[in-house]
Amino acid sequence: MLTDALKHRFVPVVMSLKTGPALKGKPVTVTVQAGYDDKRAIDKVTEVSIFYSVDGGKNFNGPVALKKANAKTFSGQIPAIGKAGKVVLIRV
C-alpha cells in the first residue's frame, strides 16, 4: 500500500513568477503559479511563501506567505522597501 502511494509523489514546480515594479516606499506585488507538471500527481499545492532580497541576494527577508487566488495561483505583496533597486525572489 505504501509503495502505491509513493509512486504518485512528485515535486511541485513554479510555473510562473510575476512581480510588479520595485519602487521606493511601495509594496511589490508578487504572483506565483505553482503545481505539478506530471498528470499522475495526486497532491495539491496548498501554500506558497517567498523570501526576497534587496541587496543582490546577500541577505534575504521573509518568509512572506502568499494567498491562494485559485487552484494554482498565489499572490501577495512584499512590504514597501526603503530604497529603489532590484528585488530578487526565491521560492520556499
N, C-alpha and C. Protein backbone atom coordinates (compact mmCIF):
# COMPACT_ATOMS: atom_id res chain seq x y z
N MET A 1 0.82 -1.19 0.00
CA MET A 1 0.00 0.00 0.00
C MET A 1 0.87 1.25 0.00
N LEU A 2 1.91 1.28 0.79
CA LEU A 2 2.82 2.42 0.82
C LEU A 2 3.49 2.62 -0.53
N THR A 3 3.89 1.55 -1.17
CA THR A 3 4.53 1.63 -2.49
C THR A 3 3.59 2.27 -3.50
N ASP A 4 2.32 1.93 -3.46
CA ASP A 4 1.33 2.53 -4.37
C ASP A 4 1.21 4.04 -4.13
N ALA A 5 1.20 4.44 -2.87
CA ALA A 5 1.11 5.87 -2.56
C ALA A 5 2.35 6.63 -2.99
N LEU A 6 3.52 6.05 -2.80
CA LEU A 6 4.76 6.74 -3.14
C LEU A 6 4.96 6.90 -4.64
N LYS A 7 4.44 6.03 -5.46
CA LYS A 7 4.68 6.16 -6.89
C LYS A 7 3.91 7.35 -7.50
N HIS A 8 3.04 7.97 -6.73
CA HIS A 8 2.33 9.16 -7.20
C HIS A 8 2.83 10.43 -6.54
N ARG A 9 3.98 10.39 -5.91
CA ARG A 9 4.55 11.56 -5.26
C ARG A 9 5.52 12.25 -6.19
N PHE A 10 5.28 13.51 -6.46
CA PHE A 10 6.13 14.28 -7.35
C PHE A 10 6.46 15.61 -6.69
N VAL A 11 7.49 16.26 -7.16
CA VAL A 11 7.93 17.54 -6.62
C VAL A 11 7.16 18.66 -7.34
N PRO A 12 6.57 19.60 -6.58
CA PRO A 12 5.88 20.71 -7.24
C PRO A 12 6.88 21.64 -7.93
N VAL A 13 6.41 22.36 -8.93
CA VAL A 13 7.25 23.29 -9.67
C VAL A 13 6.60 24.67 -9.71
N VAL A 14 7.44 25.69 -9.82
CA VAL A 14 6.96 27.05 -10.05
C VAL A 14 6.79 27.20 -11.55
N MET A 15 5.56 27.41 -11.97
CA MET A 15 5.26 27.51 -13.40
C MET A 15 5.49 28.93 -13.91
N SER A 16 5.22 29.92 -13.07
CA SER A 16 5.50 31.31 -13.43
C SER A 16 5.61 32.14 -12.16
N LEU A 17 6.34 33.24 -12.29
CA LEU A 17 6.53 34.18 -11.19
C LEU A 17 6.51 35.57 -11.80
N LYS A 18 5.57 36.40 -11.35
CA LYS A 18 5.47 37.77 -11.86
C LYS A 18 5.56 38.73 -10.69
N THR A 19 6.28 39.83 -10.92
CA THR A 19 6.39 40.85 -9.89
C THR A 19 6.06 42.21 -10.48
N GLY A 20 5.55 43.06 -9.63
CA GLY A 20 5.34 44.46 -10.01
C GLY A 20 6.66 45.20 -9.86
N PRO A 21 6.69 46.49 -10.15
CA PRO A 21 7.93 47.26 -10.04
C PRO A 21 8.38 47.40 -8.59
N ALA A 22 9.69 47.45 -8.39
CA ALA A 22 10.26 47.67 -7.06
C ALA A 22 10.54 49.16 -6.91
N LEU A 23 9.55 49.89 -6.41
CA LEU A 23 9.65 51.33 -6.25
C LEU A 23 9.82 51.68 -4.77
N LYS A 24 10.68 52.63 -4.50
CA LYS A 24 10.94 53.05 -3.12
C LYS A 24 9.63 53.43 -2.43
N GLY A 25 9.43 52.84 -1.24
CA GLY A 25 8.26 53.17 -0.43
C GLY A 25 6.96 52.52 -0.86
N LYS A 26 6.99 51.65 -1.86
CA LYS A 26 5.77 50.99 -2.34
C LYS A 26 5.90 49.48 -2.19
N PRO A 27 4.82 48.80 -1.79
CA PRO A 27 4.88 47.33 -1.75
C PRO A 27 5.01 46.77 -3.16
N VAL A 28 5.59 45.58 -3.25
CA VAL A 28 5.79 44.92 -4.54
C VAL A 28 4.82 43.75 -4.64
N THR A 29 3.97 43.78 -5.66
CA THR A 29 3.02 42.70 -5.87
C THR A 29 3.73 41.49 -6.49
N VAL A 30 3.43 40.31 -5.96
CA VAL A 30 4.04 39.06 -6.43
C VAL A 30 2.92 38.06 -6.73
N THR A 31 2.99 37.43 -7.90
CA THR A 31 2.04 36.39 -8.28
C THR A 31 2.83 35.16 -8.72
N VAL A 32 2.51 34.03 -8.11
CA VAL A 32 3.20 32.77 -8.41
C VAL A 32 2.17 31.74 -8.85
N GLN A 33 2.48 31.04 -9.93
CA GLN A 33 1.70 29.87 -10.31
C GLN A 33 2.56 28.66 -10.00
N ALA A 34 2.01 27.74 -9.21
CA ALA A 34 2.76 26.55 -8.80
C ALA A 34 1.85 25.33 -8.87
N GLY A 35 2.46 24.21 -9.19
CA GLY A 35 1.69 22.98 -9.27
C GLY A 35 2.58 21.82 -9.66
N TYR A 36 1.98 20.81 -10.22
CA TYR A 36 2.69 19.61 -10.63
C TYR A 36 2.62 19.49 -12.14
N ASP A 37 3.76 19.24 -12.77
CA ASP A 37 3.76 19.12 -14.23
C ASP A 37 3.55 17.67 -14.69
N ASP A 38 3.40 16.77 -13.76
CA ASP A 38 3.11 15.37 -14.10
C ASP A 38 1.65 15.09 -13.76
N LYS A 39 0.88 14.70 -14.74
CA LYS A 39 -0.55 14.49 -14.56
C LYS A 39 -0.88 13.35 -13.59
N ARG A 40 0.10 12.51 -13.28
CA ARG A 40 -0.13 11.43 -12.32
C ARG A 40 -0.12 11.91 -10.88
N ALA A 41 0.34 13.12 -10.63
CA ALA A 41 0.43 13.64 -9.27
C ALA A 41 -0.97 13.76 -8.66
N ILE A 42 -1.09 13.32 -7.43
CA ILE A 42 -2.38 13.42 -6.74
C ILE A 42 -2.36 14.50 -5.66
N ASP A 43 -1.19 15.03 -5.34
CA ASP A 43 -1.06 16.09 -4.34
C ASP A 43 -1.46 17.43 -4.94
N LYS A 44 -1.75 18.39 -4.08
CA LYS A 44 -2.08 19.76 -4.48
C LYS A 44 -1.17 20.72 -3.73
N VAL A 45 -0.79 21.81 -4.37
CA VAL A 45 -0.05 22.87 -3.69
C VAL A 45 -1.07 23.66 -2.88
N THR A 46 -0.84 23.76 -1.57
CA THR A 46 -1.81 24.43 -0.71
C THR A 46 -1.30 25.75 -0.15
N GLU A 47 0.01 25.96 -0.21
CA GLU A 47 0.55 27.24 0.26
C GLU A 47 1.88 27.53 -0.42
N VAL A 48 2.14 28.83 -0.59
CA VAL A 48 3.39 29.29 -1.18
C VAL A 48 3.90 30.45 -0.35
N SER A 49 5.17 30.43 0.00
CA SER A 49 5.83 31.53 0.68
C SER A 49 7.08 31.90 -0.09
N ILE A 50 7.47 33.15 -0.03
CA ILE A 50 8.67 33.61 -0.72
C ILE A 50 9.60 34.33 0.24
N PHE A 51 10.85 34.34 -0.11
CA PHE A 51 11.85 35.18 0.54
C PHE A 51 12.31 36.19 -0.50
N TYR A 52 12.73 37.38 -0.07
CA TYR A 52 13.16 38.39 -1.02
C TYR A 52 14.42 39.07 -0.53
N SER A 53 15.16 39.63 -1.48
CA SER A 53 16.41 40.31 -1.17
C SER A 53 16.43 41.66 -1.88
N VAL A 54 16.96 42.67 -1.22
CA VAL A 54 17.12 43.98 -1.84
C VAL A 54 18.60 44.36 -1.97
N ASP A 55 19.48 43.39 -1.70
CA ASP A 55 20.92 43.66 -1.80
C ASP A 55 21.64 42.65 -2.70
N GLY A 56 20.96 42.27 -3.76
CA GLY A 56 21.58 41.36 -4.73
C GLY A 56 21.70 39.92 -4.27
N GLY A 57 20.96 39.54 -3.25
CA GLY A 57 20.97 38.17 -2.79
C GLY A 57 21.93 37.89 -1.65
N LYS A 58 22.56 38.92 -1.09
CA LYS A 58 23.46 38.71 0.07
C LYS A 58 22.66 38.33 1.31
N ASN A 59 21.51 38.95 1.48
CA ASN A 59 20.63 38.70 2.62
C ASN A 59 19.21 38.56 2.12
N PHE A 60 18.43 37.74 2.80
CA PHE A 60 17.04 37.54 2.40
C PHE A 60 16.11 37.84 3.57
N ASN A 61 14.96 38.39 3.26
CA ASN A 61 13.91 38.69 4.22
C ASN A 61 12.74 37.76 3.95
N GLY A 62 11.96 37.50 4.97
CA GLY A 62 10.77 36.66 4.78
C GLY A 62 10.74 35.59 5.85
N PRO A 63 9.88 34.65 5.71
CA PRO A 63 9.05 34.39 4.54
C PRO A 63 7.83 35.31 4.48
N VAL A 64 7.34 35.54 3.28
CA VAL A 64 6.09 36.24 3.03
C VAL A 64 5.13 35.20 2.46
N ALA A 65 4.07 34.94 3.20
CA ALA A 65 3.07 33.96 2.75
C ALA A 65 2.17 34.60 1.70
N LEU A 66 1.95 33.90 0.60
CA LEU A 66 1.07 34.38 -0.45
C LEU A 66 -0.30 33.74 -0.27
N LYS A 67 -1.34 34.47 -0.66
CA LYS A 67 -2.71 33.96 -0.53
C LYS A 67 -3.11 33.22 -1.81
N LYS A 68 -3.89 32.19 -1.61
CA LYS A 68 -4.35 31.38 -2.75
C LYS A 68 -5.44 32.12 -3.50
N ALA A 69 -5.22 32.35 -4.81
CA ALA A 69 -6.20 33.01 -5.66
C ALA A 69 -7.08 31.99 -6.37
N ASN A 70 -6.46 30.88 -6.81
CA ASN A 70 -7.20 29.76 -7.40
C ASN A 70 -6.35 28.51 -7.25
N ALA A 71 -6.68 27.45 -7.95
CA ALA A 71 -6.02 26.15 -7.75
C ALA A 71 -4.50 26.20 -7.88
N LYS A 72 -3.97 27.04 -8.76
CA LYS A 72 -2.52 27.08 -8.98
C LYS A 72 -1.90 28.46 -8.80
N THR A 73 -2.70 29.48 -8.48
CA THR A 73 -2.20 30.84 -8.41
C THR A 73 -2.23 31.36 -6.98
N PHE A 74 -1.12 31.96 -6.57
CA PHE A 74 -0.97 32.55 -5.24
C PHE A 74 -0.44 33.96 -5.42
N SER A 75 -0.92 34.90 -4.62
CA SER A 75 -0.43 36.28 -4.76
C SER A 75 -0.35 36.97 -3.41
N GLY A 76 0.44 38.03 -3.39
CA GLY A 76 0.63 38.81 -2.18
C GLY A 76 1.56 39.96 -2.46
N GLN A 77 2.05 40.58 -1.39
CA GLN A 77 2.93 41.73 -1.55
C GLN A 77 4.13 41.64 -0.63
N ILE A 78 5.27 42.01 -1.18
CA ILE A 78 6.46 42.24 -0.37
C ILE A 78 6.27 43.62 0.24
N PRO A 79 6.58 43.80 1.53
CA PRO A 79 6.42 45.11 2.14
C PRO A 79 7.23 46.19 1.41
N ALA A 80 6.80 47.43 1.58
CA ALA A 80 7.50 48.56 0.96
C ALA A 80 8.98 48.52 1.32
N ILE A 81 9.82 48.81 0.34
CA ILE A 81 11.26 48.82 0.57
C ILE A 81 11.74 50.26 0.70
N GLY A 82 12.84 50.45 1.45
CA GLY A 82 13.34 51.78 1.75
C GLY A 82 14.15 52.43 0.66
N LYS A 83 14.55 51.66 -0.35
CA LYS A 83 15.35 52.24 -1.43
C LYS A 83 14.97 51.59 -2.75
N ALA A 84 15.11 52.32 -3.81
CA ALA A 84 14.83 51.78 -5.14
C ALA A 84 15.90 50.75 -5.48
N GLY A 85 15.55 49.74 -6.22
CA GLY A 85 16.53 48.74 -6.61
C GLY A 85 15.87 47.47 -7.10
N LYS A 86 16.71 46.50 -7.35
CA LYS A 86 16.22 45.24 -7.84
C LYS A 86 15.85 44.33 -6.67
N VAL A 87 14.70 43.72 -6.75
CA VAL A 87 14.26 42.77 -5.74
C VAL A 87 14.46 41.38 -6.31
N VAL A 88 15.19 40.54 -5.59
CA VAL A 88 15.43 39.17 -6.00
C VAL A 88 14.50 38.27 -5.20
N LEU A 89 13.81 37.35 -5.86
CA LEU A 89 12.89 36.45 -5.18
C LEU A 89 13.35 35.02 -5.31
N ILE A 90 13.07 34.24 -4.28
CA ILE A 90 13.24 32.80 -4.38
C ILE A 90 12.01 32.16 -3.76
N ARG A 91 11.74 30.93 -4.09
CA ARG A 91 10.59 30.25 -3.51
C ARG A 91 11.06 29.37 -2.36
N VAL A 92 10.11 29.04 -1.53
CA VAL A 92 10.40 28.16 -0.41
C VAL A 92 9.95 26.77 -0.77
